[in-house]
Amino acid sequence: MVNRFFRSDAVTETFKLAQRRRSHIQSELMSVPHGVVTSSTVPTGRGSRYALQLTKTRETLAAAGWNARVQKANAFLAIVGTPDELVRIMGERYQDLQAALAGTKPYEMGTLALTVPSAGGATTSGTHTGSVMAGVKRKAEDEEEEDVIDLTSD
């Protein structure tokens, strides 16, 4: 029951158990790293019966959210291609992506190059050299009109 709670999206769960089982769970929680979950004994409202209430901490919820985002990112990458194909597409940046997904360093996008096929077989290229971090919106560096590549028409 407790393991299901840890794997669930629930923040708080109340377990109506006899004192012996509540005490057992609380003693087992001593082996869980400090700050993962808080526990308390709460009355059930029926006489002198009590229940064990577990609440995940903010740190635990943040980690669970991170894990869900990593799973979504990996699912997206699987659609894009195999790890070998991603290495071919991303080159040496694939290792940076893997480190970011492991949570060991932020993914800095750095210089982005875009090559788009245009009518007649020619290509149009553009480069953004500003420092860009994934998940951070860019602000326009100046108000001048920029060239736009229209990808909506044939």
C-alpha atoms as a PDB file:
ATOM      1  CA  MET A   1       0.000   0.000   0.000  1.00  0.00           C
ATOM      2  CA  VAL A   2       2.752   2.409   0.958  1.00  0.00           C
ATOM      3  CA  ASN A   3       4.781   1.610  -2.164  1.00  0.00           C
ATOM      4  CA  ARG A   4       1.710   2.304  -4.324  1.00  0.00           C
ATOM      5  CA  PHE A   5       1.367   5.651  -2.559  1.00  0.00           C
ATOM      6  CA  PHE A   6       5.009   6.508  -3.297  1.00  0.00           C
ATOM      7  CA  ARG A   7       4.509   5.692  -6.990  1.00  0.00           C
ATOM      8  CA  SER A   8       1.202   7.579  -7.232  1.00  0.00           C
ATOM      9  CA  ASP A   9       0.522  11.263  -7.877  1.00  0.00           C
ATOM     10  CA  ALA A  10      -1.229  11.561  -4.497  1.00  0.00           C
ATOM     11  CA  VAL A  11       0.257  14.062  -2.045  1.00  0.00           C
ATOM     12  CA  THR A  12      -1.322  12.654   1.121  1.00  0.00           C
ATOM     13  CA  GLU A  13      -2.654   9.203   1.938  1.00  0.00           C
ATOM     14  CA  THR A  14      -4.311   7.948   5.105  1.00  0.00           C
ATOM     15  CA  PHE A  15      -3.921   4.290   6.059  1.00  0.00           C
ATOM     16  CA  LYS A  16      -6.469   2.926   8.536  1.00  0.00           C
ATOM     17  CA  LEU A  17      -4.423   0.236  10.257  1.00  0.00           C
ATOM     18  CA  ALA A  18      -4.062  -1.378  13.639  1.00  0.00           C
ATOM     19  CA  GLN A  19      -1.382   0.151  15.832  1.00  0.00           C
ATOM     20  CA  ARG A  20       1.036  -2.757  15.289  1.00  0.00           C
ATOM     21  CA  ARG A  21       0.958  -2.229  11.483  1.00  0.00           C
ATOM     22  CA  ARG A  22       1.163   1.582  11.812  1.00  0.00           C
ATOM     23  CA  SER A  23       4.211   1.216  14.046  1.00  0.00           C
ATOM     24  CA  HIS A  24       5.801  -1.227  11.597  1.00  0.00           C
ATOM     25  CA  ILE A  25       5.359   1.182   8.678  1.00  0.00           C
ATOM     26  CA  GLN A  26       6.710   4.092  10.703  1.00  0.00           C
ATOM     27  CA  SER A  27       9.782   2.073  11.678  1.00  0.00           C
ATOM     28  CA  GLU A  28      10.335   1.101   8.020  1.00  0.00           C
ATOM     29  CA  LEU A  29      10.100   4.771   7.044  1.00  0.00           C
ATOM     30  CA  MET A  30      13.151   5.402   9.225  1.00  0.00           C
ATOM     31  CA  SER A  31      15.232   3.832   6.418  1.00  0.00           C
ATOM     32  CA  VAL A  32      13.806   6.292   3.852  1.00  0.00           C
ATOM     33  CA  PRO A  33      16.007   9.367   3.358  1.00  0.00           C
ATOM     34  CA  HIS A  34      15.022  12.275   5.607  1.00  0.00           C
ATOM     35  CA  GLY A  35      12.677  14.784   3.991  1.00  0.00           C
ATOM     36  CA  VAL A  36      10.957  12.388   1.576  1.00  0.00           C
ATOM     37  CA  VAL A  37       7.749  11.978   3.515  1.00  0.00           C
ATOM     38  CA  THR A  38       6.213  13.090   6.785  1.00  0.00           C
ATOM     39  CA  SER A  39       4.049  10.809   8.899  1.00  0.00           C
ATOM     40  CA  SER A  40       1.566  11.379  11.670  1.00  0.00           C
ATOM     41  CA  THR A  41      -1.061   9.434  13.551  1.00  0.00           C
ATOM     42  CA  VAL A  42      -4.523  10.943  13.100  1.00  0.00           C
ATOM     43  CA  PRO A  43      -7.871  10.052  14.658  1.00  0.00           C
ATOM     44  CA  THR A  44     -10.344   8.352  12.335  1.00  0.00           C
ATOM     45  CA  GLY A  45     -13.338   9.839  14.112  1.00  0.00           C
ATOM     46  CA  ARG A  46     -14.542   6.452  15.396  1.00  0.00           C
ATOM     47  CA  GLY A  47     -13.855   6.214  19.092  1.00  0.00           C
ATOM     48  CA  SER A  48     -10.223   5.698  19.921  1.00  0.00           C
ATOM     49  CA  ARG A  49      -9.190   4.386  16.472  1.00  0.00           C
ATOM     50  CA  TYR A  50      -6.299   6.008  14.651  1.00  0.00           C
ATOM     51  CA  ALA A  51      -4.820   5.990  11.166  1.00  0.00           C
ATOM     52  CA  LEU A  52      -1.368   6.661   9.746  1.00  0.00           C
ATOM     53  CA  GLN A  53      -1.217   9.695   7.481  1.00  0.00           C
ATOM     54  CA  LEU A  54       1.717  10.053   5.072  1.00  0.00           C
ATOM     55  CA  THR A  55       2.431  13.268   3.177  1.00  0.00           C
ATOM     56  CA  LYS A  56       5.042  13.674   0.450  1.00  0.00           C
ATOM     57  CA  THR A  57       7.308  16.700   0.869  1.00  0.00           C
ATOM     58  CA  ARG A  58       7.793  19.410  -1.763  1.00  0.00           C
ATOM     59  CA  GLU A  59      11.173  17.952  -2.626  1.00  0.00           C
ATOM     60  CA  THR A  60       9.598  14.553  -3.263  1.00  0.00           C
ATOM     61  CA  LEU A  61       6.858  16.069  -5.409  1.00  0.00           C
ATOM     62  CA  ALA A  62       9.411  18.089  -7.379  1.00  0.00           C
ATOM     63  CA  ALA A  63      11.467  14.949  -8.013  1.00  0.00           C
ATOM     64  CA  ALA A  64       8.355  13.075  -9.128  1.00  0.00           C
ATOM     65  CA  GLY A  65       7.507  15.930 -11.504  1.00  0.00           C
ATOM     66  CA  TRP A  66      11.045  15.865 -12.869  1.00  0.00           C
ATOM     67  CA  ASN A  67      10.832  12.113 -13.438  1.00  0.00           C
ATOM     68  CA  ALA A  68       7.550  12.534 -15.327  1.00  0.00           C
ATOM     69  CA  ARG A  69       9.098  15.231 -17.552  1.00  0.00           C
ATOM     70  CA  VAL A  70      12.124  13.027 -18.250  1.00  0.00           C
ATOM     71  CA  GLN A  71       9.813  10.147 -19.218  1.00  0.00           C
ATOM     72  CA  LYS A  72       7.939  12.447 -21.616  1.00  0.00           C
ATOM     73  CA  ALA A  73      11.204  13.708 -23.100  1.00  0.00           C
ATOM     74  CA  ASN A  74      12.462  10.146 -23.598  1.00  0.00           C
ATOM     75  CA  ALA A  75       9.142   9.158 -25.207  1.00  0.00           C
ATOM     76  CA  PHE A  76       9.477  12.099 -27.618  1.00  0.00           C
ATOM     77  CA  LEU A  77      13.089  11.209 -28.426  1.00  0.00           C
ATOM     78  CA  ALA A  78      12.037   7.615 -29.150  1.00  0.00           C
ATOM     79  CA  ILE A  79       9.642   8.996 -31.770  1.00  0.00           C
ATOM     80  CA  VAL A  80      12.420  11.070 -33.336  1.00  0.00           C
ATOM     81  CA  GLY A  81      14.758   8.111 -33.673  1.00  0.00           C
ATOM     82  CA  THR A  82      16.954   5.472 -32.119  1.00  0.00           C
ATOM     83  CA  PRO A  83      19.915   6.516 -29.962  1.00  0.00           C
ATOM     84  CA  ASP A  84      22.226   5.934 -32.960  1.00  0.00           C
ATOM     85  CA  GLU A  85      20.028   8.138 -35.163  1.00  0.00           C
ATOM     86  CA  LEU A  86      19.934  10.833 -32.473  1.00  0.00           C
ATOM     87  CA  VAL A  87      23.740  10.757 -32.259  1.00  0.00           C
ATOM     88  CA  ARG A  88      23.874  11.210 -36.027  1.00  0.00           C
ATOM     89  CA  ILE A  89      21.401  14.124 -35.848  1.00  0.00           C
ATOM     90  CA  MET A  90      22.810  15.841 -32.761  1.00  0.00           C
ATOM     91  CA  GLY A  91      26.462  14.923 -32.993  1.00  0.00           C
ATOM     92  CA  GLU A  92      28.476  15.652 -29.882  1.00  0.00           C
ATOM     93  CA  ARG A  93      25.486  17.481 -28.345  1.00  0.00           C
ATOM     94  CA  TYR A  94      23.791  14.113 -27.731  1.00  0.00           C
ATOM     95  CA  GLN A  95      26.013  13.610 -24.668  1.00  0.00           C
ATOM     96  CA  ASP A  96      24.901  17.034 -23.360  1.00  0.00           C
ATOM     97  CA  LEU A  97      21.284  15.966 -23.815  1.00  0.00           C
ATOM     98  CA  GLN A  98      21.882  12.732 -21.919  1.00  0.00           C
ATOM     99  CA  ALA A  99      23.522  14.655 -19.053  1.00  0.00           C
ATOM    100  CA  ALA A 100      20.555  17.053 -18.924  1.00  0.00           C
ATOM    101  CA  LEU A 101      18.075  14.172 -18.834  1.00  0.00           C
ATOM    102  CA  ALA A 102      20.109  12.576 -16.040  1.00  0.00           C
ATOM    103  CA  GLY A 103      19.852  15.867 -14.151  1.00  0.00           C
ATOM    104  CA  THR A 104      23.606  16.332 -13.915  1.00  0.00           C
ATOM    105  CA  LYS A 105      23.862  19.566 -15.938  1.00  0.00           C
ATOM    106  CA  PRO A 106      21.549  22.031 -17.685  1.00  0.00           C
ATOM    107  CA  TYR A 107      21.157  21.738 -21.429  1.00  0.00           C
ATOM    108  CA  GLU A 108      22.476  24.899 -23.053  1.00  0.00           C
ATOM    109  CA  MET A 109      21.342  25.186 -26.625  1.00  0.00           C
ATOM    110  CA  GLY A 110      24.093  27.647 -27.612  1.00  0.00           C
ATOM    111  CA  THR A 111      24.241  28.159 -31.372  1.00  0.00           C
ATOM    112  CA  LEU A 112      21.312  26.901 -33.382  1.00  0.00           C
ATOM    113  CA  ALA A 113      21.634  26.383 -37.120  1.00  0.00           C
ATOM    114  CA  LEU A 114      18.618  25.896 -39.356  1.00  0.00           C
ATOM    115  CA  THR A 115      18.696  24.704 -42.932  1.00  0.00           C
ATOM    116  CA  VAL A 116      15.363  24.591 -44.727  1.00  0.00           C
ATOM    117  CA  PRO A 117      14.801  23.279 -48.257  1.00  0.00           C
ATOM    118  CA  SER A 118      13.122  25.891 -50.446  1.00  0.00           C
ATOM    119  CA  ALA A 119      11.543  25.898 -53.890  1.00  0.00           C
ATOM    120  CA  GLY A 120      13.804  24.724 -56.712  1.00  0.00           C
ATOM    121  CA  GLY A 121      15.968  22.531 -54.476  1.00  0.00           C
ATOM    122  CA  ALA A 122      17.985  25.396 -52.969  1.00  0.00           C
ATOM    123  CA  THR A 123      18.341  25.693 -49.206  1.00  0.00           C
ATOM    124  CA  THR A 124      17.916  28.633 -46.889  1.00  0.00           C
ATOM    125  CA  SER A 125      20.048  28.749 -43.771  1.00  0.00           C
ATOM    126  CA  GLY A 126      19.925  30.789 -40.615  1.00  0.00           C
ATOM    127  CA  THR A 127      21.892  30.797 -37.388  1.00  0.00           C
ATOM    128  CA  HIS A 128      21.051  32.024 -33.919  1.00  0.00           C
ATOM    129  CA  THR A 129      24.188  32.586 -31.875  1.00  0.00           C
ATOM    130  CA  GLY A 130      22.654  33.876 -28.637  1.00  0.00           C
ATOM    131  CA  SER A 131      22.958  31.861 -25.465  1.00  0.00           C
ATOM    132  CA  VAL A 132      19.705  29.999 -25.052  1.00  0.00           C
ATOM    133  CA  MET A 133      18.776  27.646 -22.236  1.00  0.00           C
ATOM    134  CA  ALA A 134      16.122  24.997 -22.815  1.00  0.00           C
ATOM    135  CA  GLY A 135      12.832  25.935 -21.194  1.00  0.00           C
ATOM    136  CA  VAL A 136      13.594  29.676 -21.149  1.00  0.00           C
ATOM    137  CA  LYS A 137      11.801  32.026 -23.504  1.00  0.00           C
ATOM    138  CA  ARG A 138      13.962  34.354 -25.565  1.00  0.00           C
ATOM    139  CA  LYS A 139      13.262  38.061 -25.751  1.00  0.00           C
ATOM    140  CA  ALA A 140      13.774  39.921 -29.012  1.00  0.00           C
ATOM    141  CA  GLU A 141      17.258  41.417 -28.966  1.00  0.00           C
ATOM    142  CA  ASP A 142      16.198  44.367 -31.081  1.00  0.00           C
ATOM    143  CA  GLU A 143      13.033  45.676 -32.661  1.00  0.00           C
ATOM    144  CA  GLU A 144      14.278  45.539 -36.274  1.00  0.00           C
ATOM    145  CA  GLU A 145      12.337  43.425 -38.736  1.00  0.00           C
ATOM    146  CA  GLU A 146      13.942  40.046 -39.364  1.00  0.00           C
ATOM    147  CA  ASP A 147      13.799  37.773 -42.398  1.00  0.00           C
ATOM    148  CA  VAL A 148      11.086  35.159 -42.030  1.00  0.00           C
ATOM    149  CA  ILE A 149      11.039  31.714 -43.611  1.00  0.00           C
ATOM    150  CA  ASP A 150       7.445  30.773 -44.443  1.00  0.00           C
ATOM    151  CA  LEU A 151       7.043  27.032 -43.831  1.00  0.00           C
ATOM    152  CA  THR A 152       3.280  27.066 -44.331  1.00  0.00           C
ATOM    153  CA  SER A 153       3.158  27.222 -48.155  1.00  0.00           C
ATOM    154  CA  ASP A 154       4.323  24.821 -50.865  1.00  0.00           C
END
